[in-house]
Protein backbone atom coordinates (compact mmCIF):
# COMPACT_ATOMS: atom_id res chain seq x y z
CA UNK A 1 -194.90 -2.23 -116.62
CA UNK A 2 -196.32 -5.00 -118.74
CA UNK A 3 -193.08 -6.11 -120.36
CA UNK A 4 -191.53 -8.97 -118.41
CA UNK A 5 -188.02 -7.79 -119.29
CA UNK A 6 -188.49 -4.45 -117.49
CA UNK A 7 -188.29 -3.78 -113.77
CA UNK A 8 -189.11 -0.25 -112.65
CA UNK A 9 -187.67 1.21 -109.44
CA UNK A 10 -188.87 4.55 -108.07
CA UNK A 11 -185.84 5.78 -106.09
CA UNK A 12 -186.73 9.47 -106.22
CA UNK A 13 -187.46 10.24 -102.58
CA UNK A 14 -188.31 13.95 -102.70
CA UNK A 15 -191.16 15.36 -104.78
CA UNK A 16 -190.97 19.02 -103.78
CA UNK A 17 -187.51 19.87 -105.08
CA UNK A 18 -188.71 21.76 -108.15
CA UNK A 19 -190.57 24.33 -106.05
CA UNK A 20 -187.82 24.73 -103.47
CA UNK A 21 -185.04 24.96 -106.06
CA UNK A 22 -186.93 27.57 -108.13
CA UNK A 23 -187.87 29.72 -105.13
CA UNK A 24 -184.33 29.54 -103.75
CA UNK A 25 -182.72 30.24 -107.12
CA UNK A 26 -184.88 33.27 -107.84
CA UNK A 27 -184.23 34.68 -104.36
CA UNK A 28 -180.52 35.09 -105.14
CA UNK A 29 -178.84 37.65 -107.37
CA UNK A 30 -177.90 36.78 -109.97
CA UNK A 31 -180.94 34.51 -110.12
CA UNK A 32 -180.56 30.96 -111.40
CA UNK A 33 -182.53 27.75 -111.98
CA UNK A 34 -180.86 24.33 -112.42
CA UNK A 35 -180.91 23.07 -116.03
CA UNK A 36 -182.31 19.67 -115.05
CA UNK A 37 -185.73 21.36 -114.86
CA UNK A 38 -185.78 22.04 -118.61
CA UNK A 39 -187.04 18.53 -119.23
CA UNK A 40 -190.77 18.35 -118.74
CA UNK A 41 -192.67 16.65 -121.59
CA UNK A 42 -192.59 19.73 -123.84
CA UNK A 43 -188.99 20.57 -122.93
CA UNK A 44 -187.88 17.05 -123.86
CA UNK A 45 -189.62 17.36 -127.25
CA UNK A 46 -188.02 20.75 -127.86
CA UNK A 47 -184.60 19.37 -127.02
CA UNK A 48 -185.16 16.51 -129.47
CA UNK A 49 -185.92 19.19 -132.09
CA UNK A 50 -182.72 21.05 -131.15
CA UNK A 51 -180.66 17.94 -131.84
CA UNK A 52 -181.91 17.98 -135.45
CA UNK A 53 -180.92 21.62 -136.11
CA UNK A 54 -178.07 22.33 -138.56
CA UNK A 55 -176.28 24.49 -135.98
CA UNK A 56 -176.43 21.85 -133.24
CA UNK A 57 -173.52 19.55 -134.09
CA UNK A 58 -173.06 17.60 -130.78
CA UNK A 59 -175.75 14.93 -131.19
CA UNK A 60 -175.09 13.88 -134.78
CA UNK A 61 -171.33 14.11 -134.27
CA UNK A 62 -171.39 11.92 -131.17
CA UNK A 63 -173.66 9.38 -132.87
CA UNK A 64 -171.19 9.29 -135.77
CA UNK A 65 -168.24 8.69 -133.44
CA UNK A 66 -170.07 5.90 -131.58
CA UNK A 67 -171.19 4.24 -134.82
CA UNK A 68 -167.74 4.25 -136.41
CA UNK A 69 -166.00 3.02 -133.25
CA UNK A 70 -168.59 0.67 -131.72
CA UNK A 71 -166.50 -2.41 -132.47
CA UNK A 72 -163.42 -0.89 -130.82
CA UNK A 73 -165.43 0.07 -127.74
CA UNK A 74 -166.69 -3.52 -127.48
CA UNK A 75 -163.14 -4.84 -127.80
CA UNK A 76 -162.07 -2.75 -124.81
CA UNK A 77 -165.10 -3.37 -122.59
CA UNK A 78 -166.21 -6.85 -123.62
CA UNK A 79 -169.73 -8.27 -123.60
CA UNK A 80 -172.07 -9.36 -120.82
CA UNK A 81 -171.61 -6.25 -118.66
CA UNK A 82 -174.13 -4.20 -116.70
CA UNK A 83 -174.64 -0.99 -118.69
CA UNK A 84 -175.74 1.99 -116.58
CA UNK A 85 -176.90 5.27 -118.14
CA UNK A 86 -177.51 8.27 -115.85
CA UNK A 87 -180.04 10.39 -117.72
CA UNK A 88 -181.06 7.33 -119.73
CA UNK A 89 -183.50 7.84 -122.54
CA UNK A 90 -181.29 8.89 -125.46
CA UNK A 91 -182.32 5.85 -127.44
CA UNK A 92 -180.35 6.52 -130.62
CA UNK A 93 -177.04 6.56 -128.78
CA UNK A 94 -177.59 3.65 -126.42
CA UNK A 95 -178.89 1.54 -129.33
CA UNK A 96 -175.41 1.68 -130.83
CA UNK A 97 -173.78 0.46 -127.61
CA UNK A 98 -176.37 -2.25 -126.95
CA UNK A 99 -175.77 -3.75 -130.37
CA UNK A 100 -172.00 -3.85 -129.82
CA UNK A 101 -171.65 -4.56 -126.11
CA UNK A 102 -174.51 -7.07 -125.75
CA UNK A 103 -174.76 -6.27 -122.03
CA UNK A 104 -176.36 -8.64 -119.57
CA UNK A 105 -178.61 -5.84 -118.35
CA UNK A 106 -179.27 -2.12 -118.83
CA UNK A 107 -180.01 0.39 -116.07
CA UNK A 108 -181.35 3.74 -117.34
CA UNK A 109 -181.66 6.47 -114.69
CA UNK A 110 -183.79 9.59 -115.08
CA UNK A 111 -185.63 12.09 -112.92
CA UNK A 112 -188.67 12.05 -115.24
CA UNK A 113 -190.77 8.93 -114.56
CA UNK A 114 -192.85 9.21 -117.74
CA UNK A 115 -189.81 9.79 -119.97
CA UNK A 116 -187.99 6.87 -118.32
CA UNK A 117 -190.89 4.45 -118.75
CA UNK A 118 -191.37 5.35 -122.41
CA UNK A 119 -187.66 4.96 -123.18
CA UNK A 120 -187.49 1.60 -121.38
CA UNK A 121 -190.52 0.28 -123.25
CA UNK A 122 -189.11 1.34 -126.62
CA UNK A 123 -185.80 -0.39 -125.87
CA UNK A 124 -187.55 -3.55 -124.68
CA UNK A 125 -189.30 -3.78 -128.06
CA UNK A 126 -186.07 -3.17 -130.00
CA UNK A 127 -184.00 -5.53 -127.81
CA UNK A 128 -186.31 -8.30 -126.55
CA UNK A 129 -183.34 -10.20 -125.11
CA UNK A 130 -182.32 -7.28 -122.88
CA UNK A 131 -183.00 -7.20 -119.15
CA UNK A 132 -183.91 -3.60 -118.15
CA UNK A 133 -183.86 -2.18 -114.62
CA UNK A 134 -185.20 1.39 -114.92
CA UNK A 135 -184.45 3.64 -111.94
CA UNK A 136 -186.37 6.89 -111.39
CA UNK A 137 -183.91 9.06 -109.50
CA UNK A 138 -182.18 12.45 -109.54
CA UNK A 139 -178.78 11.11 -110.51
CA UNK A 140 -177.16 14.50 -109.84
CA UNK A 141 -177.86 13.97 -106.13
CA UNK A 142 -178.01 10.24 -105.67
CA UNK A 143 -176.80 7.41 -107.84
CA UNK A 144 -177.28 3.82 -106.75
CA UNK A 145 -178.10 0.63 -108.57
CA UNK A 146 -181.48 -1.04 -108.07
CA UNK A 147 -181.12 -4.01 -105.67
CA UNK A 148 -182.26 -6.41 -108.40
CA UNK A 149 -179.50 -5.38 -110.84
CA UNK A 150 -177.24 -8.32 -111.70
CA UNK A 151 -173.56 -8.50 -110.85
CA UNK A 152 -170.70 -8.26 -113.33
CA UNK A 153 -168.48 -5.63 -114.91
CA UNK A 154 -170.20 -2.26 -114.66
CA UNK A 155 -170.04 0.18 -117.56
CA UNK A 156 -171.44 3.72 -117.19
CA UNK A 157 -172.57 5.63 -120.28
CA UNK A 158 -172.90 9.42 -120.04
CA UNK A 159 -173.34 10.90 -123.53
CA UNK A 160 -174.33 14.32 -124.84
CA UNK A 161 -171.59 16.27 -123.07
CA UNK A 162 -173.98 16.51 -120.11
CA UNK A 163 -170.87 16.58 -117.94
CA UNK A 164 -170.48 20.16 -119.18
CA UNK A 165 -173.47 21.24 -117.08
CA UNK A 166 -171.29 20.83 -113.98
CA UNK A 167 -168.54 23.28 -113.11
CA UNK A 168 -165.11 21.56 -113.06
CA UNK A 169 -165.17 20.83 -109.31
CA UNK A 170 -168.74 19.58 -109.60
CA UNK A 171 -167.73 17.43 -112.57
CA UNK A 172 -164.99 15.78 -110.50
CA UNK A 173 -167.47 15.11 -107.70
CA UNK A 174 -169.97 13.64 -110.15
CA UNK A 175 -167.32 11.45 -111.75
CA UNK A 176 -166.34 10.22 -108.29
CA UNK A 177 -169.91 9.01 -107.78
CA UNK A 178 -169.59 7.08 -111.04
CA UNK A 179 -166.31 5.60 -109.81
CA UNK A 180 -168.14 4.42 -106.69
CA UNK A 181 -171.01 3.11 -108.82
CA UNK A 182 -168.98 1.01 -111.28
CA UNK A 183 -166.26 0.02 -108.82
CA UNK A 184 -162.68 -1.20 -109.44
CA UNK A 185 -162.23 -2.34 -113.02
CA UNK A 186 -165.42 -0.60 -114.09
CA UNK A 187 -165.66 1.60 -117.17
CA UNK A 188 -167.05 4.96 -118.22
CA UNK A 189 -167.97 5.90 -121.80
CA UNK A 190 -168.54 9.65 -121.87
CA UNK A 191 -169.18 12.28 -124.53
CA UNK A 192 -167.32 15.58 -124.11
CA UNK A 193 -167.73 18.68 -126.26
CA UNK A 194 -164.43 20.19 -127.37
CA UNK A 195 -163.30 23.81 -127.26
CA UNK A 196 -163.63 25.46 -130.65
CA UNK A 197 -164.53 28.62 -132.56
CA UNK A 198 -166.81 30.92 -130.54
CA UNK A 199 -169.19 31.46 -133.45
CA UNK A 200 -169.80 27.72 -133.86
CA UNK A 201 -170.49 27.33 -130.14
CA UNK A 202 -172.84 30.29 -129.81
CA UNK A 203 -174.81 29.31 -132.92
CA UNK A 204 -175.35 25.84 -131.45
CA UNK A 205 -177.07 27.39 -128.42
CA UNK A 206 -178.87 30.25 -130.20
CA UNK A 207 -180.12 28.80 -133.49
CA UNK A 208 -181.63 30.85 -136.30
CA UNK A 209 -185.00 29.07 -136.03
CA UNK A 210 -185.34 30.05 -132.37
CA UNK A 211 -185.92 26.51 -131.09
CA UNK A 212 -183.35 26.86 -128.29
CA UNK A 213 -185.04 30.10 -127.25
CA UNK A 214 -188.37 28.25 -126.97
CA UNK A 215 -186.63 25.51 -124.98
CA UNK A 216 -185.21 28.06 -122.53
CA UNK A 217 -188.47 29.99 -122.21
CA UNK A 218 -190.42 26.76 -121.67
CA UNK A 219 -188.86 26.66 -118.21
CA UNK A 220 -190.99 29.69 -117.34
CA UNK A 221 -194.08 28.01 -118.79
CA UNK A 222 -193.40 25.01 -116.55
CA UNK A 223 -193.12 27.28 -113.50
CA UNK A 224 -196.42 28.95 -114.41
CA UNK A 225 -198.17 25.59 -114.81
CA UNK A 226 -196.72 23.63 -111.90
CA UNK A 227 -195.96 26.35 -109.35
CA UNK A 228 -198.78 28.84 -110.03
CA UNK A 229 -196.38 31.43 -111.46
CA UNK A 230 -197.32 34.42 -113.60
CA UNK A 231 -194.30 34.86 -115.88
CA UNK A 232 -195.17 36.78 -119.06
CA UNK A 233 -192.95 35.11 -121.65
CA UNK A 234 -193.12 38.17 -123.92
CA UNK A 235 -191.14 40.05 -121.28
CA UNK A 236 -188.18 37.65 -121.37
CA UNK A 237 -185.56 36.92 -124.02
CA UNK A 238 -183.19 34.02 -124.54
CA UNK A 239 -179.45 34.76 -124.52
CA UNK A 240 -176.45 32.44 -125.02
CA UNK A 241 -172.81 33.53 -124.89
CA UNK A 242 -169.46 31.76 -124.84
CA UNK A 243 -167.31 32.84 -121.90
CA UNK A 244 -163.81 32.23 -123.20
CA UNK A 245 -162.13 32.91 -119.85
CA UNK A 246 -163.72 29.89 -118.20
CA UNK A 247 -164.45 27.87 -121.36
CA UNK A 248 -168.21 27.58 -121.13
CA UNK A 249 -171.46 28.47 -122.86
CA UNK A 250 -173.74 30.44 -120.54
CA UNK A 251 -177.51 30.51 -121.11
CA UNK A 252 -179.77 33.16 -119.65
CA UNK A 253 -183.29 34.51 -119.69
CA UNK A 254 -183.07 38.32 -119.82
CA UNK A 255 -185.78 40.59 -118.43
CA UNK A 256 -186.90 43.05 -121.10
CA UNK A 257 -188.30 45.57 -118.59
CA UNK A 258 -188.67 46.30 -114.89
CA UNK A 259 -191.14 43.72 -113.62
CA UNK A 260 -192.35 41.71 -110.64
CA UNK A 261 -193.15 38.01 -110.92
CA UNK A 262 -195.24 36.02 -108.46
CA UNK A 263 -194.84 32.32 -107.70
CA UNK A 264 -197.23 30.93 -105.11
CA UNK A 265 -197.01 33.44 -102.23
CA UNK A 266 -193.59 34.83 -103.21
CA UNK A 267 -192.79 37.88 -105.35
CA UNK A 268 -189.54 38.49 -107.26
CA UNK A 269 -188.58 41.83 -108.80
CA UNK A 270 -186.34 42.06 -111.87
CA UNK A 271 -184.87 45.21 -113.40
CA UNK A 272 -184.62 45.61 -117.15
CA UNK A 273 -181.58 43.64 -118.34
CA UNK A 274 -181.44 41.48 -115.23
CA UNK A 275 -180.99 37.77 -115.89
CA UNK A 276 -181.99 34.31 -114.76
CA UNK A 277 -179.06 31.96 -115.35
CA UNK A 278 -180.41 28.63 -116.65
CA UNK A 279 -177.42 26.63 -117.89
CA UNK A 280 -173.66 26.35 -118.19
CA UNK A 281 -172.05 24.03 -120.72
CA UNK A 282 -168.31 23.68 -120.17
CA UNK A 283 -166.06 22.75 -123.07
CA UNK A 284 -162.70 21.00 -122.72
CA UNK A 285 -159.61 20.14 -124.68
CA UNK A 286 -158.82 16.43 -124.81
CA UNK A 287 -156.01 16.70 -122.26
CA UNK A 288 -158.02 18.97 -119.96
CA UNK A 289 -160.74 16.39 -119.60
CA UNK A 290 -158.37 13.45 -119.15
CA UNK A 291 -156.68 15.41 -116.34
CA UNK A 292 -160.06 16.24 -114.77
CA UNK A 293 -161.21 12.60 -114.90
CA UNK A 294 -157.95 11.45 -113.32
CA UNK A 295 -158.76 13.56 -110.25
CA UNK A 296 -161.88 11.44 -109.81
CA UNK A 297 -159.99 8.16 -110.10
CA UNK A 298 -160.31 7.34 -113.81
CA UNK A 299 -157.51 6.42 -116.17
CA UNK A 300 -157.82 6.97 -119.91
CA UNK A 301 -158.21 3.80 -121.96
CA UNK A 302 -159.15 5.22 -125.36
CA UNK A 303 -160.30 8.41 -127.06
CA UNK A 304 -162.20 8.97 -130.30
CA UNK A 305 -162.72 12.32 -132.06
CA UNK A 306 -164.53 13.23 -135.28
CA UNK A 307 -162.53 14.43 -138.28
CA UNK A 308 -163.52 18.06 -137.66
CA UNK A 309 -162.40 18.02 -134.01
CA UNK A 310 -165.82 19.09 -132.78
CA UNK A 311 -166.57 16.38 -130.22
CA UNK A 312 -164.88 13.58 -128.31
CA UNK A 313 -165.88 10.24 -126.82
CA UNK A 314 -163.66 9.01 -123.98
CA UNK A 315 -163.33 5.53 -122.54
CA UNK A 316 -162.08 5.51 -118.96
CA UNK A 317 -161.39 2.68 -116.52
CA UNK A 318 -161.39 2.95 -112.76
CA UNK A 319 -157.82 2.96 -111.55
CA UNK A 320 -156.83 -0.17 -109.67
CA UNK A 321 -156.71 0.19 -105.91
């Protein structure tokens, strides 16, 4: 990178995971593909469009909570920290924290090298005083700080209710990796979507304009392009339902007919109505998530919720040893 304030670290060791994960996921029944593969260049643009939809409340609600409470967050955490963002690149949200926390350095982590570089360059222009250590890595599998990252109080930022993509046990395991990352006395600022009316939840993941459907189907386009697949998108339909028993949105691609799909040298048969599971998004009550985080070693420091009780932002601190 040309900007002297940015150091880029490519920590992503394996380059063949997309192919192996897709082939493995489609070999099982029910078939599934991890949601992290939504985010190629087009998928990222479609998700940005989703965040602007009237039905999709999480992004604007979380930004509102962070904006209103930025000063309080800074009072708890202090300034001069090392701010780490797994999945870094959500510029609007981290802008709010950077202005309040004035961290010594910022470490965005993302699996997409191009997306990470662009986000880091935009932030370097907006915050010329900020030292940026961008780490290209699959943070769901490995999370470590670049060796050049400065010392100091570590603060992790995980917005967007991305924690909901993990099942509860997986969420605890992921939070434990953050505990290890930030260490004793470290902090976590995390956005968590709250349980609410089923109609509100399902509309957020199946909007009237069909943008979320395009986002889901783009996963098949990516497979066709990168893995020599032959998915016919007209034969698949987006579906999103709220499973009240386990408290999660479930997203699927539903086969509209009996069909066989080829990827490289492999063939996969789907009956009409058969699904490919592409995402879960777990929702929590306030107390449910505080209890879950405690299992990982976090203690609740503060909690902020919007006036409509749609979304929450938690501040946790690693429990003293």
